[in-house]
Amino acid sequence: MTTSPELAQHTDALEAMLADPEIRQSLAVIVANAPALAALASMSATLLERGPELAENINDAVLEFRGNGDSPGGLGKALPLITALGDRTDSITGLLDSEVLQPEVVEVIGNVGAAAKEADASTRGHQASVGGIFTILGKLKDPNVQQSLAFLFAFAEAFGNRQSGRSASDK
């Protein structure tokens, strides 16, 4: 069997990226951390879905702290939570000051979560079969797959650089 020239053109860039030891190392880090990344994506999607509910709860708590709440003794119930949050101010401040909560990052994480849910819905309970090598190579022609792989490789490189203490501008 021979592959078409079009397939070779689409895979040349991928092959070049996979030949780079730094990208392979970055991909290895991503694969090794895949369960943690999946958990982060799931938690982020849940956080984004529950955003309005969380905002309402915070608003209710503020009203209760001001004395406008409906339940008596609400402040006393909140004190253990306030104490626990006070004990973790460094962690909370670090999270708030980090890039994790930037709107652009939250949007990307939301997209990852939505894609994960969509993929889970389309594969859960079904016989898992991706076909042979030629089927997989054929998937590389899909523009969405190409864009996702380009993102994955760019992420792998950036993440690998951060893991090794270099920035993209150091290259």
N, C-alpha and C. Protein backbone atom coordinates (compact mmCIF):
# COMPACT_ATOMS: atom_id res chain seq x y z
N MET A 1 0.84 -1.18 0.00
CA MET A 1 0.00 0.00 0.00
C MET A 1 0.88 1.24 0.00
N THR A 2 0.45 2.24 -0.69
CA THR A 2 1.19 3.50 -0.69
C THR A 2 0.29 4.60 -0.16
N THR A 3 0.91 5.59 0.38
CA THR A 3 0.12 6.73 0.85
C THR A 3 0.14 7.81 -0.21
N SER A 4 -0.87 8.61 -0.22
CA SER A 4 -0.96 9.66 -1.23
C SER A 4 0.01 10.78 -0.88
N PRO A 5 0.46 11.55 -1.88
CA PRO A 5 1.35 12.69 -1.60
C PRO A 5 0.70 13.70 -0.67
N GLU A 6 -0.64 13.84 -0.77
CA GLU A 6 -1.34 14.78 0.09
C GLU A 6 -1.16 14.41 1.56
N LEU A 7 -1.22 13.13 1.88
CA LEU A 7 -1.05 12.66 3.25
C LEU A 7 0.35 12.98 3.74
N ALA A 8 1.34 12.81 2.89
CA ALA A 8 2.72 13.09 3.29
C ALA A 8 2.89 14.57 3.58
N GLN A 9 2.24 15.43 2.80
CA GLN A 9 2.35 16.87 3.05
C GLN A 9 1.76 17.23 4.40
N HIS A 10 0.65 16.60 4.76
CA HIS A 10 0.00 16.92 6.02
C HIS A 10 0.76 16.36 7.21
N THR A 11 1.51 15.31 7.04
CA THR A 11 2.21 14.70 8.16
C THR A 11 3.65 15.15 8.27
N ASP A 12 4.22 15.83 7.26
CA ASP A 12 5.61 16.27 7.33
C ASP A 12 5.82 17.20 8.53
N ALA A 13 4.95 18.15 8.73
CA ALA A 13 5.09 19.07 9.85
C ALA A 13 4.95 18.33 11.17
N LEU A 14 4.02 17.40 11.23
CA LEU A 14 3.84 16.61 12.44
C LEU A 14 5.07 15.75 12.71
N GLU A 15 5.59 15.12 11.67
CA GLU A 15 6.78 14.30 11.84
C GLU A 15 7.96 15.14 12.30
N ALA A 16 8.09 16.33 11.77
CA ALA A 16 9.18 17.22 12.17
C ALA A 16 9.04 17.59 13.64
N MET A 17 7.81 17.89 14.06
CA MET A 17 7.61 18.24 15.46
C MET A 17 7.89 17.04 16.36
N LEU A 18 7.45 15.86 15.95
CA LEU A 18 7.67 14.67 16.77
C LEU A 18 9.15 14.27 16.81
N ALA A 19 9.92 14.69 15.83
CA ALA A 19 11.35 14.38 15.82
C ALA A 19 12.11 15.26 16.81
N ASP A 20 11.54 16.37 17.22
CA ASP A 20 12.20 17.28 18.15
C ASP A 20 12.18 16.66 19.55
N PRO A 21 13.35 16.41 20.15
CA PRO A 21 13.40 15.78 21.47
C PRO A 21 12.70 16.61 22.55
N GLU A 22 12.77 17.92 22.41
CA GLU A 22 12.14 18.79 23.41
C GLU A 22 10.62 18.62 23.38
N ILE A 23 10.05 18.53 22.18
CA ILE A 23 8.60 18.33 22.06
C ILE A 23 8.22 16.95 22.57
N ARG A 24 9.04 15.95 22.25
CA ARG A 24 8.75 14.61 22.77
C ARG A 24 8.80 14.59 24.29
N GLN A 25 9.76 15.29 24.86
CA GLN A 25 9.86 15.37 26.32
C GLN A 25 8.63 16.07 26.89
N SER A 26 8.22 17.16 26.25
CA SER A 26 7.05 17.89 26.71
C SER A 26 5.79 17.02 26.61
N LEU A 27 5.67 16.28 25.52
CA LEU A 27 4.52 15.37 25.38
C LEU A 27 4.55 14.29 26.45
N ALA A 28 5.74 13.81 26.79
CA ALA A 28 5.86 12.80 27.84
C ALA A 28 5.38 13.37 29.17
N VAL A 29 5.72 14.63 29.45
CA VAL A 29 5.26 15.28 30.68
C VAL A 29 3.74 15.39 30.67
N ILE A 30 3.18 15.80 29.53
CA ILE A 30 1.72 15.93 29.42
C ILE A 30 1.05 14.57 29.62
N VAL A 31 1.57 13.54 28.96
CA VAL A 31 0.98 12.21 29.09
C VAL A 31 1.09 11.72 30.53
N ALA A 32 2.26 11.97 31.16
CA ALA A 32 2.43 11.54 32.54
C ALA A 32 1.47 12.27 33.48
N ASN A 33 1.10 13.49 33.12
CA ASN A 33 0.21 14.29 33.95
C ASN A 33 -1.22 14.29 33.42
N ALA A 34 -1.53 13.43 32.47
CA ALA A 34 -2.86 13.41 31.85
C ALA A 34 -3.99 13.28 32.86
N PRO A 35 -3.88 12.40 33.87
CA PRO A 35 -4.99 12.33 34.83
C PRO A 35 -5.20 13.64 35.58
N ALA A 36 -4.11 14.31 35.95
CA ALA A 36 -4.22 15.58 36.65
C ALA A 36 -4.80 16.65 35.73
N LEU A 37 -4.38 16.66 34.45
CA LEU A 37 -4.92 17.63 33.50
C LEU A 37 -6.40 17.38 33.25
N ALA A 38 -6.78 16.11 33.16
CA ALA A 38 -8.20 15.78 32.97
C ALA A 38 -9.01 16.22 34.18
N ALA A 39 -8.47 16.00 35.37
CA ALA A 39 -9.17 16.42 36.59
C ALA A 39 -9.30 17.93 36.63
N LEU A 40 -8.23 18.64 36.25
CA LEU A 40 -8.26 20.10 36.22
C LEU A 40 -9.31 20.59 35.22
N ALA A 41 -9.36 19.98 34.06
CA ALA A 41 -10.34 20.38 33.05
C ALA A 41 -11.76 20.12 33.55
N SER A 42 -11.96 18.98 34.19
CA SER A 42 -13.28 18.65 34.73
C SER A 42 -13.69 19.62 35.82
N MET A 43 -12.75 19.91 36.73
CA MET A 43 -13.06 20.85 37.81
C MET A 43 -13.34 22.24 37.25
N SER A 44 -12.58 22.64 36.26
CA SER A 44 -12.77 23.97 35.66
C SER A 44 -14.13 24.06 34.98
N ALA A 45 -14.51 23.02 34.27
CA ALA A 45 -15.82 23.02 33.60
C ALA A 45 -16.94 23.10 34.64
N THR A 46 -16.78 22.35 35.73
CA THR A 46 -17.78 22.39 36.79
C THR A 46 -17.84 23.77 37.43
N LEU A 47 -16.67 24.37 37.65
CA LEU A 47 -16.63 25.71 38.23
C LEU A 47 -17.32 26.71 37.32
N LEU A 48 -17.06 26.62 36.01
CA LEU A 48 -17.69 27.54 35.07
C LEU A 48 -19.21 27.32 35.01
N GLU A 49 -19.65 26.08 35.08
CA GLU A 49 -21.08 25.79 35.05
C GLU A 49 -21.79 26.31 36.30
N ARG A 50 -21.07 26.26 37.42
CA ARG A 50 -21.69 26.66 38.69
C ARG A 50 -21.43 28.12 39.02
N GLY A 51 -20.84 28.88 38.09
CA GLY A 51 -20.51 30.28 38.33
C GLY A 51 -21.67 31.11 38.84
N PRO A 52 -22.83 31.08 38.16
CA PRO A 52 -23.97 31.88 38.65
C PRO A 52 -24.42 31.47 40.06
N GLU A 53 -24.41 30.17 40.33
CA GLU A 53 -24.80 29.70 41.65
C GLU A 53 -23.80 30.18 42.70
N LEU A 54 -22.50 30.12 42.38
CA LEU A 54 -21.49 30.59 43.32
C LEU A 54 -21.62 32.09 43.57
N ALA A 55 -21.86 32.85 42.51
CA ALA A 55 -22.04 34.29 42.67
C ALA A 55 -23.24 34.60 43.55
N GLU A 56 -24.33 33.86 43.36
CA GLU A 56 -25.51 34.07 44.19
C GLU A 56 -25.23 33.72 45.65
N ASN A 57 -24.49 32.64 45.86
CA ASN A 57 -24.13 32.25 47.23
C ASN A 57 -23.26 33.31 47.90
N ILE A 58 -22.31 33.86 47.15
CA ILE A 58 -21.45 34.92 47.69
C ILE A 58 -22.28 36.15 48.01
N ASN A 59 -23.18 36.50 47.11
CA ASN A 59 -24.06 37.65 47.35
C ASN A 59 -24.91 37.43 48.59
N ASP A 60 -25.47 36.24 48.75
CA ASP A 60 -26.26 35.92 49.94
C ASP A 60 -25.42 36.03 51.20
N ALA A 61 -24.17 35.55 51.12
CA ALA A 61 -23.29 35.62 52.29
C ALA A 61 -22.98 37.06 52.66
N VAL A 62 -22.73 37.90 51.66
CA VAL A 62 -22.46 39.31 51.93
C VAL A 62 -23.68 39.95 52.59
N LEU A 63 -24.87 39.67 52.06
CA LEU A 63 -26.08 40.22 52.67
C LEU A 63 -26.24 39.72 54.11
N GLU A 64 -25.91 38.47 54.35
CA GLU A 64 -26.02 37.90 55.68
C GLU A 64 -25.01 38.54 56.63
N PHE A 65 -23.80 38.78 56.15
CA PHE A 65 -22.78 39.43 56.97
C PHE A 65 -23.19 40.86 57.32
N ARG A 66 -23.88 41.51 56.41
CA ARG A 66 -24.34 42.89 56.65
C ARG A 66 -25.54 42.92 57.59
N GLY A 67 -26.08 41.77 57.90
CA GLY A 67 -27.26 41.74 58.76
C GLY A 67 -28.55 41.75 57.99
N ASN A 68 -28.48 41.61 56.66
CA ASN A 68 -29.69 41.61 55.83
C ASN A 68 -30.18 40.20 55.52
N GLY A 69 -29.53 39.21 56.07
CA GLY A 69 -29.90 37.83 55.74
C GLY A 69 -31.17 37.41 56.45
N ASP A 70 -31.77 36.36 55.95
CA ASP A 70 -33.02 35.87 56.53
C ASP A 70 -32.79 34.95 57.72
N SER A 71 -31.65 34.24 57.75
CA SER A 71 -31.45 33.26 58.81
C SER A 71 -30.72 33.89 60.00
N PRO A 72 -31.21 33.60 61.22
CA PRO A 72 -30.56 34.15 62.41
C PRO A 72 -29.24 33.41 62.68
N GLY A 73 -28.27 34.15 63.20
CA GLY A 73 -27.00 33.53 63.57
C GLY A 73 -26.17 33.09 62.39
N GLY A 74 -26.39 33.65 61.21
CA GLY A 74 -25.66 33.23 60.01
C GLY A 74 -24.17 33.47 60.11
N LEU A 75 -23.78 34.55 60.78
CA LEU A 75 -22.36 34.85 60.90
C LEU A 75 -21.64 33.77 61.70
N GLY A 76 -22.28 33.28 62.74
CA GLY A 76 -21.67 32.23 63.55
C GLY A 76 -21.43 30.95 62.75
N LYS A 77 -22.31 30.66 61.82
CA LYS A 77 -22.15 29.48 60.98
C LYS A 77 -20.99 29.65 60.00
N ALA A 78 -20.72 30.90 59.61
CA ALA A 78 -19.68 31.16 58.62
C ALA A 78 -18.29 31.26 59.23
N LEU A 79 -18.19 31.43 60.53
CA LEU A 79 -16.88 31.63 61.16
C LEU A 79 -15.89 30.50 60.89
N PRO A 80 -16.28 29.23 60.95
CA PRO A 80 -15.30 28.18 60.63
C PRO A 80 -14.76 28.29 59.20
N LEU A 81 -15.62 28.65 58.27
CA LEU A 81 -15.18 28.83 56.89
C LEU A 81 -14.24 30.02 56.79
N ILE A 82 -14.57 31.11 57.44
CA ILE A 82 -13.72 32.29 57.41
C ILE A 82 -12.35 31.97 58.02
N THR A 83 -12.34 31.23 59.10
CA THR A 83 -11.08 30.84 59.74
C THR A 83 -10.25 29.97 58.78
N ALA A 84 -10.89 29.01 58.16
CA ALA A 84 -10.17 28.13 57.23
C ALA A 84 -9.61 28.93 56.05
N LEU A 85 -10.41 29.85 55.52
CA LEU A 85 -9.92 30.70 54.42
C LEU A 85 -8.78 31.60 54.89
N GLY A 86 -8.89 32.11 56.10
CA GLY A 86 -7.83 32.96 56.65
C GLY A 86 -6.52 32.21 56.80
N ASP A 87 -6.60 30.93 57.13
CA ASP A 87 -5.39 30.11 57.26
C ASP A 87 -4.73 29.84 55.92
N ARG A 88 -5.46 30.05 54.84
CA ARG A 88 -4.94 29.74 53.51
C ARG A 88 -4.80 30.99 52.63
N THR A 89 -4.62 32.13 53.24
CA THR A 89 -4.57 33.37 52.46
C THR A 89 -3.44 33.37 51.45
N ASP A 90 -2.29 32.80 51.80
CA ASP A 90 -1.18 32.77 50.84
C ASP A 90 -1.55 31.97 49.60
N SER A 91 -2.18 30.82 49.81
CA SER A 91 -2.59 29.99 48.67
C SER A 91 -3.66 30.68 47.85
N ILE A 92 -4.61 31.29 48.52
CA ILE A 92 -5.70 31.96 47.80
C ILE A 92 -5.17 33.16 47.03
N THR A 93 -4.30 33.94 47.67
CA THR A 93 -3.71 35.09 46.99
C THR A 93 -2.87 34.62 45.80
N GLY A 94 -2.11 33.54 45.98
CA GLY A 94 -1.32 32.99 44.88
C GLY A 94 -2.19 32.58 43.71
N LEU A 95 -3.31 31.95 44.01
CA LEU A 95 -4.24 31.55 42.94
C LEU A 95 -4.84 32.77 42.24
N LEU A 96 -5.26 33.75 43.02
CA LEU A 96 -5.87 34.94 42.44
C LEU A 96 -4.87 35.74 41.61
N ASP A 97 -3.60 35.75 42.02
CA ASP A 97 -2.57 36.50 41.30
C ASP A 97 -1.98 35.71 40.13
N SER A 98 -2.23 34.42 40.08
CA SER A 98 -1.66 33.60 39.02
C SER A 98 -2.38 33.81 37.70
N GLU A 99 -1.84 33.22 36.67
CA GLU A 99 -2.44 33.32 35.34
C GLU A 99 -3.63 32.39 35.17
N VAL A 100 -3.85 31.51 36.14
CA VAL A 100 -4.92 30.51 36.02
C VAL A 100 -6.29 31.15 35.88
N LEU A 101 -6.52 32.29 36.54
CA LEU A 101 -7.84 32.89 36.53
C LEU A 101 -7.97 34.05 35.53
N GLN A 102 -7.00 34.21 34.65
CA GLN A 102 -7.14 35.22 33.61
C GLN A 102 -8.27 34.80 32.68
N PRO A 103 -9.06 35.76 32.19
CA PRO A 103 -10.22 35.40 31.36
C PRO A 103 -9.86 34.53 30.15
N GLU A 104 -8.71 34.78 29.54
CA GLU A 104 -8.32 33.99 28.37
C GLU A 104 -8.06 32.54 28.77
N VAL A 105 -7.42 32.34 29.93
CA VAL A 105 -7.13 30.98 30.40
C VAL A 105 -8.42 30.28 30.81
N VAL A 106 -9.29 30.99 31.48
CA VAL A 106 -10.56 30.41 31.90
C VAL A 106 -11.36 29.98 30.67
N GLU A 107 -11.31 30.80 29.61
CA GLU A 107 -12.02 30.44 28.38
C GLU A 107 -11.44 29.17 27.76
N VAL A 108 -10.10 29.07 27.72
CA VAL A 108 -9.47 27.87 27.17
C VAL A 108 -9.83 26.64 28.00
N ILE A 109 -9.76 26.79 29.32
CA ILE A 109 -10.10 25.67 30.20
C ILE A 109 -11.57 25.29 30.02
N GLY A 110 -12.42 26.29 29.84
CA GLY A 110 -13.83 26.00 29.58
C GLY A 110 -14.02 25.23 28.28
N ASN A 111 -13.25 25.61 27.24
CA ASN A 111 -13.32 24.88 25.97
C ASN A 111 -12.83 23.45 26.14
N VAL A 112 -11.77 23.27 26.93
CA VAL A 112 -11.26 21.91 27.19
C VAL A 112 -12.33 21.10 27.90
N GLY A 113 -12.96 21.71 28.90
CA GLY A 113 -14.00 21.00 29.63
C GLY A 113 -15.18 20.64 28.75
N ALA A 114 -15.59 21.57 27.91
CA ALA A 114 -16.72 21.31 27.00
C ALA A 114 -16.37 20.21 26.01
N ALA A 115 -15.14 20.26 25.47
CA ALA A 115 -14.71 19.22 24.53
C ALA A 115 -14.61 17.87 25.22
N ALA A 116 -14.15 17.86 26.47
CA ALA A 116 -14.06 16.61 27.23
C ALA A 116 -15.44 16.01 27.45
N LYS A 117 -16.41 16.88 27.81
CA LYS A 117 -17.77 16.39 28.00
C LYS A 117 -18.35 15.85 26.70
N GLU A 118 -18.10 16.56 25.60
CA GLU A 118 -18.60 16.13 24.30
C GLU A 118 -17.98 14.79 23.89
N ALA A 119 -16.67 14.67 24.09
CA ALA A 119 -15.99 13.41 23.75
C ALA A 119 -16.48 12.28 24.64
N ASP A 120 -16.67 12.56 25.92
CA ASP A 120 -17.17 11.54 26.84
C ASP A 120 -18.57 11.09 26.43
N ALA A 121 -19.41 12.05 26.09
CA ALA A 121 -20.79 11.71 25.70
C ALA A 121 -20.81 10.87 24.42
N SER A 122 -19.88 11.13 23.51
CA SER A 122 -19.90 10.40 22.25
C SER A 122 -19.20 9.04 22.34
N THR A 123 -18.44 8.80 23.41
CA THR A 123 -17.71 7.52 23.50
C THR A 123 -18.14 6.65 24.68
N ARG A 124 -18.72 7.23 25.68
CA ARG A 124 -19.09 6.45 26.87
C ARG A 124 -20.11 5.38 26.51
N GLY A 125 -19.83 4.16 26.91
CA GLY A 125 -20.75 3.06 26.67
C GLY A 125 -20.68 2.48 25.27
N HIS A 126 -19.77 2.96 24.45
CA HIS A 126 -19.62 2.45 23.09
C HIS A 126 -18.34 1.63 23.01
N GLN A 127 -18.33 0.69 22.09
CA GLN A 127 -17.12 -0.09 21.85
C GLN A 127 -16.03 0.86 21.34
N ALA A 128 -14.89 0.89 22.01
CA ALA A 128 -13.81 1.79 21.63
C ALA A 128 -12.96 1.16 20.53
N SER A 129 -12.95 1.78 19.37
CA SER A 129 -12.12 1.33 18.27
C SER A 129 -11.75 2.55 17.44
N VAL A 130 -10.45 2.77 17.27
CA VAL A 130 -10.01 3.91 16.47
C VAL A 130 -9.53 3.48 15.10
N GLY A 131 -9.55 2.20 14.82
CA GLY A 131 -9.12 1.71 13.52
C GLY A 131 -7.63 1.46 13.49
N GLY A 132 -7.13 1.26 12.29
CA GLY A 132 -5.71 0.98 12.12
C GLY A 132 -4.91 2.26 11.90
N ILE A 133 -3.65 2.07 11.57
CA ILE A 133 -2.74 3.19 11.40
C ILE A 133 -3.18 4.11 10.26
N PHE A 134 -3.72 3.55 9.19
CA PHE A 134 -4.14 4.37 8.06
C PHE A 134 -5.39 5.18 8.40
N THR A 135 -6.26 4.62 9.24
CA THR A 135 -7.42 5.37 9.71
C THR A 135 -6.97 6.55 10.55
N ILE A 136 -6.00 6.29 11.42
CA ILE A 136 -5.48 7.36 12.27
C ILE A 136 -4.80 8.42 11.42
N LEU A 137 -3.99 7.99 10.46
CA LEU A 137 -3.33 8.96 9.57
C LEU A 137 -4.36 9.75 8.77
N GLY A 138 -5.44 9.10 8.40
CA GLY A 138 -6.50 9.79 7.67
C GLY A 138 -7.15 10.88 8.51
N LYS A 139 -7.23 10.66 9.82
CA LYS A 139 -7.78 11.67 10.72
C LYS A 139 -6.94 12.94 10.71
N LEU A 140 -5.66 12.82 10.38
CA LEU A 140 -4.78 13.99 10.35
C LEU A 140 -5.17 14.99 9.27
N LYS A 141 -5.99 14.56 8.31
CA LYS A 141 -6.46 15.47 7.26
C LYS A 141 -7.56 16.39 7.76
N ASP A 142 -8.20 16.02 8.85
CA ASP A 142 -9.29 16.81 9.41
C ASP A 142 -8.72 18.12 9.96
N PRO A 143 -9.20 19.27 9.46
CA PRO A 143 -8.68 20.57 9.94
C PRO A 143 -8.83 20.76 11.45
N ASN A 144 -9.91 20.24 12.02
CA ASN A 144 -10.09 20.36 13.47
C ASN A 144 -9.03 19.56 14.22
N VAL A 145 -8.71 18.38 13.71
CA VAL A 145 -7.67 17.57 14.34
C VAL A 145 -6.32 18.27 14.20
N GLN A 146 -6.06 18.83 13.03
CA GLN A 146 -4.80 19.54 12.81
C GLN A 146 -4.68 20.72 13.76
N GLN A 147 -5.76 21.48 13.92
CA GLN A 147 -5.72 22.63 14.82
C GLN A 147 -5.52 22.18 16.26
N SER A 148 -6.18 21.10 16.65
CA SER A 148 -6.02 20.60 18.01
C SER A 148 -4.61 20.11 18.26
N LEU A 149 -4.03 19.40 17.27
CA LEU A 149 -2.66 18.94 17.43
C LEU A 149 -1.68 20.10 17.47
N ALA A 150 -1.92 21.13 16.66
CA ALA A 150 -1.05 22.31 16.70
C ALA A 150 -1.11 22.95 18.08
N PHE A 151 -2.32 23.06 18.66
CA PHE A 151 -2.45 23.59 20.01
C PHE A 151 -1.72 22.70 21.01
N LEU A 152 -1.90 21.39 20.87
CA LEU A 152 -1.25 20.45 21.79
C LEU A 152 0.27 20.58 21.72
N PHE A 153 0.82 20.67 20.51
CA PHE A 153 2.27 20.80 20.38
C PHE A 153 2.76 22.14 20.91
N ALA A 154 2.02 23.21 20.66
CA ALA A 154 2.40 24.52 21.18
C ALA A 154 2.34 24.51 22.71
N PHE A 155 1.30 23.89 23.25
CA PHE A 155 1.18 23.77 24.70
C PHE A 155 2.32 22.92 25.26
N ALA A 156 2.61 21.82 24.60
CA ALA A 156 3.68 20.93 25.06
C ALA A 156 5.01 21.67 25.09
N GLU A 157 5.28 22.45 24.07
CA GLU A 157 6.53 23.20 24.02
C GLU A 157 6.57 24.26 25.12
N ALA A 158 5.49 25.01 25.27
CA ALA A 158 5.44 26.05 26.30
C ALA A 158 5.53 25.45 27.69
N PHE A 159 4.82 24.35 27.91
CA PHE A 159 4.84 23.70 29.21
C PHE A 159 6.22 23.11 29.50
N GLY A 160 6.82 22.49 28.49
CA GLY A 160 8.17 21.96 28.66
C GLY A 160 9.17 23.06 28.97
N ASN A 161 9.03 24.19 28.29
CA ASN A 161 9.92 25.32 28.58
C ASN A 161 9.75 25.79 30.02
N ARG A 162 8.51 25.87 30.47
CA ARG A 162 8.27 26.30 31.86
C ARG A 162 8.81 25.27 32.84
N GLN A 163 8.67 24.00 32.51
CA GLN A 163 9.18 22.95 33.39
C GLN A 163 10.70 23.01 33.49
N SER A 164 11.36 23.38 32.39
CA SER A 164 12.82 23.44 32.40
C SER A 164 13.32 24.84 32.77
N GLY A 165 12.41 25.76 33.06
CA GLY A 165 12.79 27.08 33.51
C GLY A 165 13.09 28.07 32.43
N ARG A 166 12.75 27.77 31.18
CA ARG A 166 12.99 28.69 30.05
C ARG A 166 11.67 29.26 29.61
N SER A 167 11.72 30.42 29.03
CA SER A 167 10.52 31.00 28.41
C SER A 167 10.65 30.87 26.90
N ALA A 168 9.54 31.06 26.19
CA ALA A 168 9.55 30.94 24.73
C ALA A 168 10.50 31.94 24.11
N SER A 169 10.72 33.10 24.77
CA SER A 169 11.61 34.10 24.20
C SER A 169 13.08 33.74 24.38
N ASP A 170 13.40 32.73 25.21
CA ASP A 170 14.78 32.30 25.42
C ASP A 170 15.32 31.47 24.28
N LYS A 171 14.46 31.03 23.36
CA LYS A 171 14.88 30.11 22.30
C LYS A 171 15.73 30.77 21.29
